[in-house]
Amino acid sequence: MEVWEKIAGILKPEEIEANKLPPMLLPPDSMLCAEKIKGCRLIVEQNRIIGEIHIPARPHQQEKRIVFIWWNSNLLFVDPDGEAGECIERVKNMRPHHADGADDLLLDFYLALIMDDLSHIQNMEERISGLEQMVLDNRTDKFIRQMSQLRKELNQHNRYYAQMNDMVATLQENTTDLLDECSSSRLQYILRRLNRLQEETQMLREYASQVSSEYQAQVDLGQNRIMKLLTIVTTIFMPLSLIAGWYGMNFANMPELHWAYGYPAVIVLSALIVGGCIYYFKKKRYW
């Protein structure tokens, strides 16, 4: 390009050098390595604005990274994973409005980026509901692994929306002289939408914690049942152990040793003790 004015472009990191970009549109070297982009942030310089976005992984979708440079009326996206190209396609399908600058395109890009996030959050809510039903049905074999993965996703998305919120707020603070009234209003809408997405994600984190507490309560209840059964069995057989120890002493003057009915009498006594204990526990509803 001989004249760089109102130019929008999407390039792969390896295509940067081949296109002979102006120095102000060249991203820092650290941003050309996708693996080094770990979050979302905005860098405001004297003549340009640089942003990097890290989109967390989702089911059937790997994590993605985008870098953009806004210089004068030009906007360049460095797109190693193809997400920026998909967002621009969504922008083309959005309702037409008065948009004739890099600021309008960037706002449209933000909207396209979070356009389908609410449905993804709803999908995570359904997954939590499914785990809750598993707990109620006592089918908890895979609960810990699935809940751990889901909570990890929720934490990543909550951090993502918080960083995006801070990023857009920083953009708002530093571009008041570049945005007209319509663009400022749309920027406010993006901030409100990011706030709602973050609030929804936070609510899902609390819901996941409640389901985890229900699972722990179910585990504790099962352990209590086992301990209760062991306690009842121990209580029933404790008198029998006493009788066995008592009559196992074999003292010379024990009258039962030479009594013809001593052995059957001990059997009957043991049976009466066991039956009495069972009847008592059932009457008290301990069993």
Protein backbone atom coordinates (compact mmCIF):
# COMPACT_ATOMS: atom_id res chain seq x y z
CA MET A 1 0.00 0.00 0.00
CA GLU A 2 1.27 3.47 -0.87
CA VAL A 3 -1.29 5.28 1.26
CA TRP A 4 -2.34 3.75 4.58
CA GLU A 5 -5.76 5.20 5.31
CA LYS A 6 -8.90 3.30 6.38
CA ILE A 7 -7.22 -0.05 5.78
CA ALA A 8 -8.34 -3.18 7.64
CA GLY A 9 -6.35 -6.38 7.38
CA ILE A 10 -6.07 -9.89 8.80
CA LEU A 11 -2.68 -11.57 8.65
CA LYS A 12 -1.04 -14.69 9.98
CA PRO A 13 2.11 -14.07 12.08
CA GLU A 14 4.26 -15.51 9.29
CA GLU A 15 2.73 -13.08 6.76
CA ILE A 16 3.78 -9.92 8.63
CA GLU A 17 7.20 -9.46 6.98
CA ALA A 18 5.98 -10.26 3.47
CA ASN A 19 3.41 -7.42 3.49
CA LYS A 20 5.85 -4.57 4.29
CA LEU A 21 3.71 -2.97 6.95
CA PRO A 22 4.32 0.53 8.31
CA PRO A 23 6.30 0.48 11.56
CA MET A 24 3.24 1.63 13.54
CA LEU A 25 1.27 -1.44 12.40
CA LEU A 26 3.99 -3.90 13.38
CA PRO A 27 3.11 -5.76 16.61
CA PRO A 28 5.76 -6.34 19.27
CA ASP A 29 7.82 -9.49 18.70
CA SER A 30 6.45 -11.04 21.90
CA MET A 31 2.93 -10.95 20.44
CA LEU A 32 3.94 -12.79 17.28
CA CYS A 33 4.44 -15.95 19.34
CA ALA A 34 0.92 -17.19 20.10
CA GLU A 35 2.05 -19.33 23.04
CA LYS A 36 3.16 -16.19 24.91
CA ILE A 37 -0.34 -14.66 24.86
CA LYS A 38 -1.85 -15.83 28.15
CA GLY A 39 -4.61 -13.27 28.75
CA CYS A 40 -6.40 -10.18 27.49
CA ARG A 41 -4.83 -6.75 27.78
CA LEU A 42 -4.66 -3.39 26.07
CA ILE A 43 -1.48 -1.38 25.51
CA VAL A 44 -2.09 2.32 24.86
CA GLU A 45 0.82 4.13 23.22
CA GLN A 46 1.09 7.71 22.00
CA ASN A 47 0.10 7.02 18.38
CA ARG A 48 -1.48 3.57 18.46
CA ILE A 49 -3.39 1.05 20.53
CA ILE A 50 -2.38 -2.62 20.74
CA GLY A 51 -4.57 -5.37 22.15
CA GLU A 52 -4.12 -9.07 22.70
CA ILE A 53 -6.96 -11.50 23.36
CA HIS A 54 -6.73 -15.05 24.66
CA ILE A 55 -9.99 -16.99 24.26
CA PRO A 56 -10.12 -20.03 26.59
CA ALA A 57 -10.74 -23.51 25.25
CA ARG A 58 -14.28 -24.84 24.99
CA PRO A 59 -15.71 -28.31 24.31
CA HIS A 60 -14.65 -29.33 20.79
CA GLN A 61 -12.75 -26.05 20.38
CA GLN A 62 -9.16 -25.26 21.23
CA GLU A 63 -8.01 -22.02 22.85
CA LYS A 64 -7.49 -19.15 20.40
CA ARG A 65 -5.44 -15.96 20.34
CA ILE A 66 -5.79 -12.65 18.51
CA VAL A 67 -3.66 -9.49 18.38
CA PHE A 68 -4.90 -6.19 16.94
CA ILE A 69 -3.20 -2.86 16.23
CA TRP A 70 -5.24 0.34 15.82
CA TRP A 71 -3.25 3.12 14.21
CA ASN A 72 -5.00 6.28 12.94
CA SER A 73 -7.79 4.99 10.68
CA ASN A 74 -6.17 1.57 10.13
CA LEU A 75 -6.84 -1.69 11.94
CA LEU A 76 -4.73 -4.83 11.64
CA PHE A 77 -5.56 -8.23 13.15
CA VAL A 78 -2.82 -10.79 13.67
CA ASP A 79 -4.74 -14.05 13.59
CA PRO A 80 -2.73 -17.26 14.19
CA ASP A 81 -5.81 -19.45 14.85
CA GLY A 82 -8.37 -18.11 12.37
CA GLU A 83 -10.74 -16.64 14.99
CA ALA A 84 -10.45 -13.05 13.77
CA GLY A 85 -11.44 -14.12 10.26
CA GLU A 86 -14.54 -15.86 11.63
CA CYS A 87 -15.45 -12.77 13.66
CA ILE A 88 -15.15 -10.53 10.61
CA GLU A 89 -17.50 -12.89 8.74
CA ARG A 90 -19.99 -12.46 11.60
CA VAL A 91 -19.56 -8.69 11.36
CA LYS A 92 -20.50 -8.85 7.67
CA ASN A 93 -23.75 -10.61 8.64
CA MET A 94 -24.65 -8.08 11.36
CA ARG A 95 -27.32 -5.44 10.87
CA PRO A 96 -25.91 -2.56 8.80
CA HIS A 97 -25.26 0.67 10.69
CA HIS A 98 -23.27 3.83 10.26
CA ALA A 99 -19.72 2.48 10.48
CA ASP A 100 -16.96 4.17 8.55
CA GLY A 101 -13.87 3.93 10.73
CA ALA A 102 -11.47 1.63 12.52
CA ASP A 103 -13.22 2.35 15.83
CA ASP A 104 -16.57 1.10 14.47
CA LEU A 105 -14.97 -2.03 13.04
CA LEU A 106 -13.22 -2.75 16.35
CA LEU A 107 -16.51 -2.39 18.28
CA ASP A 108 -18.24 -4.68 15.78
CA PHE A 109 -15.39 -7.12 16.25
CA TYR A 110 -15.87 -7.13 20.04
CA LEU A 111 -19.60 -7.76 19.62
CA ALA A 112 -18.99 -10.60 17.17
CA LEU A 113 -16.42 -12.09 19.54
CA ILE A 114 -18.94 -12.49 22.39
CA MET A 115 -22.05 -12.93 20.25
CA ASP A 116 -22.55 -16.65 20.98
CA ASP A 117 -21.10 -16.73 24.47
CA LEU A 118 -24.48 -16.72 26.21
CA SER A 119 -25.45 -20.00 24.53
CA HIS A 120 -22.11 -21.48 25.62
CA ILE A 121 -22.81 -20.41 29.21
CA GLN A 122 -26.24 -22.01 28.96
CA ASN A 123 -24.55 -25.21 27.77
CA MET A 124 -22.31 -25.19 30.86
CA GLU A 125 -25.38 -24.70 33.06
CA GLU A 126 -26.99 -27.78 31.48
CA ARG A 127 -23.82 -29.76 32.16
CA ILE A 128 -23.95 -28.74 35.83
CA SER A 129 -27.63 -29.72 35.99
CA GLY A 130 -26.71 -33.09 34.52
CA LEU A 131 -24.07 -33.59 37.22
CA GLU A 132 -26.61 -32.62 39.88
CA GLN A 133 -29.01 -35.27 38.55
CA MET A 134 -26.18 -37.80 38.67
CA VAL A 135 -25.72 -37.02 42.37
CA LEU A 136 -29.46 -37.40 43.04
CA ASP A 137 -29.48 -40.73 41.17
CA ASN A 138 -26.37 -41.86 43.07
CA ARG A 139 -24.40 -42.28 39.83
CA THR A 140 -21.21 -40.56 40.95
CA ASP A 141 -18.49 -42.73 39.42
CA LYS A 142 -17.28 -40.00 37.03
CA PHE A 143 -18.54 -37.01 39.01
CA ILE A 144 -15.21 -35.75 40.39
CA ARG A 145 -13.44 -35.78 37.01
CA GLN A 146 -16.32 -34.09 35.17
CA MET A 147 -16.91 -31.48 37.87
CA SER A 148 -13.19 -30.71 38.08
CA GLN A 149 -13.07 -30.09 34.32
CA LEU A 150 -16.21 -27.95 34.42
CA ARG A 151 -15.00 -25.80 37.31
CA LYS A 152 -11.71 -25.29 35.49
CA GLU A 153 -13.64 -24.04 32.43
CA LEU A 154 -15.76 -21.74 34.60
CA ASN A 155 -12.69 -20.23 36.27
CA GLN A 156 -11.05 -19.64 32.88
CA HIS A 157 -14.16 -17.98 31.45
CA ASN A 158 -14.69 -15.84 34.54
CA ARG A 159 -11.10 -14.60 34.26
CA TYR A 160 -11.55 -14.10 30.49
CA TYR A 161 -14.65 -11.89 30.91
CA ALA A 162 -13.02 -9.94 33.75
CA GLN A 163 -9.97 -9.23 31.58
CA MET A 164 -12.13 -8.36 28.56
CA ASN A 165 -14.18 -6.02 30.74
CA ASP A 166 -11.03 -4.28 31.94
CA MET A 167 -9.73 -4.16 28.38
CA VAL A 168 -12.85 -2.46 26.99
CA ALA A 169 -12.98 -0.08 29.98
CA THR A 170 -9.37 0.92 29.28
CA LEU A 171 -10.29 1.46 25.63
CA GLN A 172 -13.17 3.68 26.70
CA GLU A 173 -10.97 5.78 28.97
CA ASN A 174 -8.31 6.38 26.31
CA THR A 175 -10.43 6.96 23.21
CA THR A 176 -12.96 9.58 24.31
CA ASP A 177 -11.57 11.95 21.67
CA LEU A 178 -11.76 9.27 18.94
CA LEU A 179 -15.33 8.04 19.42
CA ASP A 180 -18.50 9.82 18.41
CA GLU A 181 -21.70 9.63 20.44
CA CYS A 182 -23.00 6.54 18.64
CA SER A 183 -19.72 4.64 19.12
CA SER A 184 -19.56 5.62 22.80
CA SER A 185 -23.08 4.30 23.29
CA ARG A 186 -22.17 1.00 21.62
CA LEU A 187 -19.06 0.76 23.79
CA GLN A 188 -21.25 1.11 26.87
CA TYR A 189 -23.45 -1.70 25.53
CA ILE A 190 -20.40 -3.96 25.13
CA LEU A 191 -19.37 -3.23 28.71
CA ARG A 192 -22.85 -4.08 30.01
CA ARG A 193 -22.89 -7.30 28.03
CA LEU A 194 -19.47 -8.33 29.34
CA ASN A 195 -20.67 -7.55 32.87
CA ARG A 196 -23.70 -9.81 32.35
CA LEU A 197 -21.55 -12.61 30.97
CA GLN A 198 -19.21 -12.33 33.94
CA GLU A 199 -22.14 -12.33 36.37
CA GLU A 200 -23.66 -15.39 34.67
CA THR A 201 -20.32 -17.18 34.89
CA GLN A 202 -19.99 -16.27 38.57
CA MET A 203 -23.50 -17.62 39.23
CA LEU A 204 -22.54 -20.88 37.52
CA ARG A 205 -19.44 -21.11 39.72
CA GLU A 206 -21.65 -20.82 42.78
CA TYR A 207 -24.06 -23.39 41.33
CA ALA A 208 -21.15 -25.79 40.71
CA SER A 209 -20.02 -25.29 44.33
CA GLN A 210 -23.53 -26.14 45.55
CA VAL A 211 -23.61 -29.31 43.46
CA SER A 212 -20.18 -30.27 44.82
CA SER A 213 -21.54 -29.74 48.33
CA GLU A 214 -24.50 -31.98 47.49
CA TYR A 215 -22.08 -34.64 46.27
CA GLN A 216 -20.04 -34.37 49.47
CA ALA A 217 -23.24 -34.61 51.53
CA GLN A 218 -24.19 -37.74 49.57
CA VAL A 219 -20.76 -39.25 50.26
CA ASP A 220 -21.02 -38.37 53.96
CA LEU A 221 -24.50 -39.89 54.09
CA GLY A 222 -23.22 -43.13 52.59
CA GLN A 223 -20.35 -43.22 55.09
CA ASN A 224 -22.80 -42.57 57.93
CA ARG A 225 -24.94 -45.51 56.79
CA ILE A 226 -21.89 -47.77 56.77
CA MET A 227 -20.78 -46.57 60.21
CA LYS A 228 -24.32 -47.02 61.54
CA LEU A 229 -24.44 -50.59 60.27
CA LEU A 230 -21.03 -51.38 61.73
CA THR A 231 -22.08 -49.84 65.06
CA ILE A 232 -25.28 -51.95 65.16
CA VAL A 233 -23.38 -55.15 64.33
CA THR A 234 -20.75 -54.35 66.96
CA THR A 235 -23.45 -53.63 69.55
CA ILE A 236 -25.26 -56.93 68.81
CA PHE A 237 -22.16 -59.08 69.07
CA MET A 238 -20.61 -57.31 72.07
CA PRO A 239 -22.73 -59.27 74.62
CA LEU A 240 -21.89 -62.49 72.77
CA SER A 241 -18.20 -61.67 73.09
CA LEU A 242 -18.73 -61.10 76.81
CA ILE A 243 -20.46 -64.48 77.18
CA ALA A 244 -17.71 -66.22 75.19
CA GLY A 245 -15.03 -64.59 77.32
CA TRP A 246 -16.90 -65.32 80.56
CA TYR A 247 -17.49 -69.01 79.91
CA GLY A 248 -14.12 -69.47 78.28
CA MET A 249 -12.31 -69.03 81.61
CA ASN A 250 -12.95 -72.69 82.67
CA PHE A 251 -12.63 -72.20 86.42
CA ALA A 252 -12.88 -75.44 88.41
CA ASN A 253 -15.98 -74.41 90.40
CA MET A 254 -18.03 -73.02 87.49
CA PRO A 255 -21.37 -74.90 87.82
CA GLU A 256 -22.17 -74.71 84.08
CA LEU A 257 -19.12 -76.78 83.16
CA HIS A 258 -20.68 -79.97 84.46
CA TRP A 259 -24.33 -79.09 83.78
CA ALA A 260 -25.88 -81.27 81.09
CA TYR A 261 -27.87 -78.37 79.61
CA GLY A 262 -25.15 -75.72 79.95
CA TYR A 263 -24.18 -75.65 76.26
CA PRO A 264 -27.79 -75.44 74.93
CA ALA A 265 -28.58 -72.82 77.58
CA VAL A 266 -25.75 -70.60 76.35
CA ILE A 267 -26.98 -71.02 72.77
CA VAL A 268 -30.52 -70.02 73.74
CA LEU A 269 -29.22 -67.07 75.78
CA SER A 270 -27.11 -65.85 72.83
CA ALA A 271 -30.06 -66.18 70.46
CA LEU A 272 -32.31 -64.24 72.86
CA ILE A 273 -29.72 -61.46 73.15
CA VAL A 274 -29.34 -61.18 69.36
CA GLY A 275 -33.11 -61.23 68.81
CA GLY A 276 -33.68 -58.69 71.58
CA CYS A 277 -31.09 -56.30 70.15
CA ILE A 278 -32.56 -56.58 66.63
CA TYR A 279 -36.08 -55.95 67.96
CA TYR A 280 -34.89 -52.93 69.96
CA PHE A 281 -33.06 -51.36 66.98
CA LYS A 282 -36.04 -51.88 64.67
CA LYS A 283 -38.44 -50.42 67.22
CA LYS A 284 -36.24 -47.34 67.61
CA ARG A 285 -35.83 -47.20 63.82
CA TYR A 286 -32.06 -47.39 64.07
CA TRP A 287 -32.16 -50.05 61.39
